[in-house]
Amino acid sequence: MWIITVFLGKNNVSMYEFYSEREAREAFGNVSGCKFLSEVIYYNDKE
């Protein structure tokens, strides 16, 4: 899972969740503000 966290102001934070890295990176380019792209790894997930 991939998360984009966007800080738009003093008390304004938004988070967007994506299941693939590709779609997260596409959206990351379109988001403005101070932003972070993070990968969330759950150790109990079985693939």
N, C-alpha and C. Protein backbone atom coordinates (compact mmCIF):
# COMPACT_ATOMS: atom_id res chain seq x y z
N MET A 1 0.85 -1.16 0.00
CA MET A 1 0.00 0.00 0.00
C MET A 1 0.90 1.23 0.00
N TRP A 2 0.46 2.27 -0.70
CA TRP A 2 1.20 3.52 -0.81
C TRP A 2 0.33 4.65 -0.31
N ILE A 3 0.94 5.58 0.41
CA ILE A 3 0.22 6.71 1.01
C ILE A 3 0.90 8.01 0.57
N ILE A 4 0.09 8.96 0.11
CA ILE A 4 0.57 10.32 -0.12
C ILE A 4 0.02 11.17 1.01
N THR A 5 0.91 11.82 1.73
CA THR A 5 0.53 12.74 2.80
C THR A 5 0.84 14.15 2.32
N VAL A 6 -0.15 15.03 2.38
CA VAL A 6 -0.01 16.40 1.87
C VAL A 6 -0.30 17.38 3.01
N PHE A 7 0.64 18.29 3.23
CA PHE A 7 0.47 19.37 4.21
C PHE A 7 0.18 20.65 3.43
N LEU A 8 -1.04 21.18 3.59
CA LEU A 8 -1.46 22.35 2.82
C LEU A 8 -1.49 23.63 3.64
N GLY A 9 -1.36 23.52 4.91
CA GLY A 9 -1.39 24.71 5.76
C GLY A 9 -1.04 24.32 7.17
N LYS A 10 -1.25 25.24 8.07
CA LYS A 10 -0.87 25.02 9.45
C LYS A 10 -1.58 23.81 10.06
N ASN A 11 -2.88 23.68 9.82
CA ASN A 11 -3.64 22.58 10.41
C ASN A 11 -4.38 21.76 9.36
N ASN A 12 -3.88 21.74 8.13
CA ASN A 12 -4.58 21.06 7.06
C ASN A 12 -3.70 19.95 6.50
N VAL A 13 -4.03 18.70 6.81
CA VAL A 13 -3.30 17.53 6.34
C VAL A 13 -4.28 16.61 5.63
N SER A 14 -3.88 16.13 4.45
CA SER A 14 -4.70 15.16 3.71
C SER A 14 -3.85 13.93 3.42
N MET A 15 -4.50 12.76 3.42
CA MET A 15 -3.81 11.52 3.10
C MET A 15 -4.60 10.78 2.03
N TYR A 16 -3.87 10.22 1.05
CA TYR A 16 -4.48 9.49 -0.05
C TYR A 16 -3.83 8.11 -0.12
N GLU A 17 -4.65 7.09 -0.28
CA GLU A 17 -4.19 5.71 -0.24
C GLU A 17 -4.27 5.08 -1.63
N PHE A 18 -3.22 4.35 -2.01
CA PHE A 18 -3.15 3.68 -3.30
C PHE A 18 -2.64 2.26 -3.10
N TYR A 19 -3.08 1.36 -3.96
CA TYR A 19 -2.65 -0.03 -3.85
C TYR A 19 -1.46 -0.35 -4.73
N SER A 20 -1.18 0.49 -5.74
CA SER A 20 -0.01 0.22 -6.58
C SER A 20 0.93 1.43 -6.58
N GLU A 21 2.20 1.15 -6.72
CA GLU A 21 3.20 2.21 -6.76
C GLU A 21 3.00 3.09 -7.98
N ARG A 22 2.63 2.49 -9.10
CA ARG A 22 2.45 3.24 -10.34
C ARG A 22 1.39 4.32 -10.19
N GLU A 23 0.21 3.95 -9.68
CA GLU A 23 -0.85 4.95 -9.55
C GLU A 23 -0.51 6.00 -8.49
N ALA A 24 0.22 5.61 -7.45
CA ALA A 24 0.62 6.58 -6.42
C ALA A 24 1.60 7.60 -6.99
N ARG A 25 2.55 7.14 -7.79
CA ARG A 25 3.52 8.07 -8.38
C ARG A 25 2.88 9.00 -9.40
N GLU A 26 1.89 8.50 -10.14
CA GLU A 26 1.16 9.36 -11.08
C GLU A 26 0.43 10.46 -10.32
N ALA A 27 -0.26 10.10 -9.26
CA ALA A 27 -1.00 11.08 -8.46
C ALA A 27 -0.05 12.05 -7.75
N PHE A 28 1.11 11.56 -7.34
CA PHE A 28 2.08 12.38 -6.63
C PHE A 28 2.50 13.58 -7.47
N GLY A 29 2.64 13.38 -8.77
CA GLY A 29 3.02 14.47 -9.66
C GLY A 29 1.95 15.53 -9.82
N ASN A 30 0.70 15.17 -9.56
CA ASN A 30 -0.42 16.10 -9.74
C ASN A 30 -0.82 16.82 -8.46
N VAL A 31 -0.23 16.46 -7.34
CA VAL A 31 -0.60 17.04 -6.05
C VAL A 31 0.35 18.20 -5.74
N SER A 32 -0.21 19.31 -5.26
CA SER A 32 0.64 20.44 -4.89
C SER A 32 0.68 20.58 -3.37
N GLY A 33 1.70 21.25 -2.89
CA GLY A 33 1.89 21.42 -1.46
C GLY A 33 3.10 20.62 -1.00
N CYS A 34 3.34 20.64 0.28
CA CYS A 34 4.42 19.84 0.87
C CYS A 34 3.92 18.41 0.97
N LYS A 35 4.54 17.49 0.25
CA LYS A 35 3.99 16.13 0.12
C LYS A 35 5.06 15.08 0.34
N PHE A 36 4.60 13.92 0.82
CA PHE A 36 5.46 12.78 1.07
C PHE A 36 4.80 11.54 0.50
N LEU A 37 5.59 10.69 -0.13
CA LEU A 37 5.12 9.41 -0.64
C LEU A 37 5.73 8.32 0.22
N SER A 38 4.89 7.47 0.79
CA SER A 38 5.35 6.42 1.71
C SER A 38 4.79 5.08 1.30
N GLU A 39 5.61 4.04 1.47
CA GLU A 39 5.13 2.68 1.27
C GLU A 39 4.84 2.09 2.65
N VAL A 40 3.65 1.51 2.79
CA VAL A 40 3.26 0.89 4.05
C VAL A 40 3.35 -0.62 3.85
N ILE A 41 4.10 -1.27 4.72
CA ILE A 41 4.28 -2.72 4.62
C ILE A 41 3.72 -3.36 5.88
N TYR A 42 2.80 -4.26 5.70
CA TYR A 42 2.23 -5.01 6.82
C TYR A 42 2.93 -6.36 6.87
N TYR A 43 3.56 -6.66 7.96
CA TYR A 43 4.33 -7.89 8.06
C TYR A 43 3.46 -9.13 8.14
N ASN A 44 2.19 -8.98 8.45
CA ASN A 44 1.33 -10.15 8.54
C ASN A 44 0.61 -10.43 7.22
N ASP A 45 0.85 -9.62 6.17
CA ASP A 45 0.28 -9.89 4.85
C ASP A 45 0.99 -11.07 4.22
N LYS A 46 0.23 -11.94 3.61
CA LYS A 46 0.81 -13.10 2.92
C LYS A 46 0.59 -12.92 1.43
N GLU A 47 1.67 -13.04 0.67
CA GLU A 47 1.57 -12.91 -0.77
C GLU A 47 1.78 -14.23 -1.44
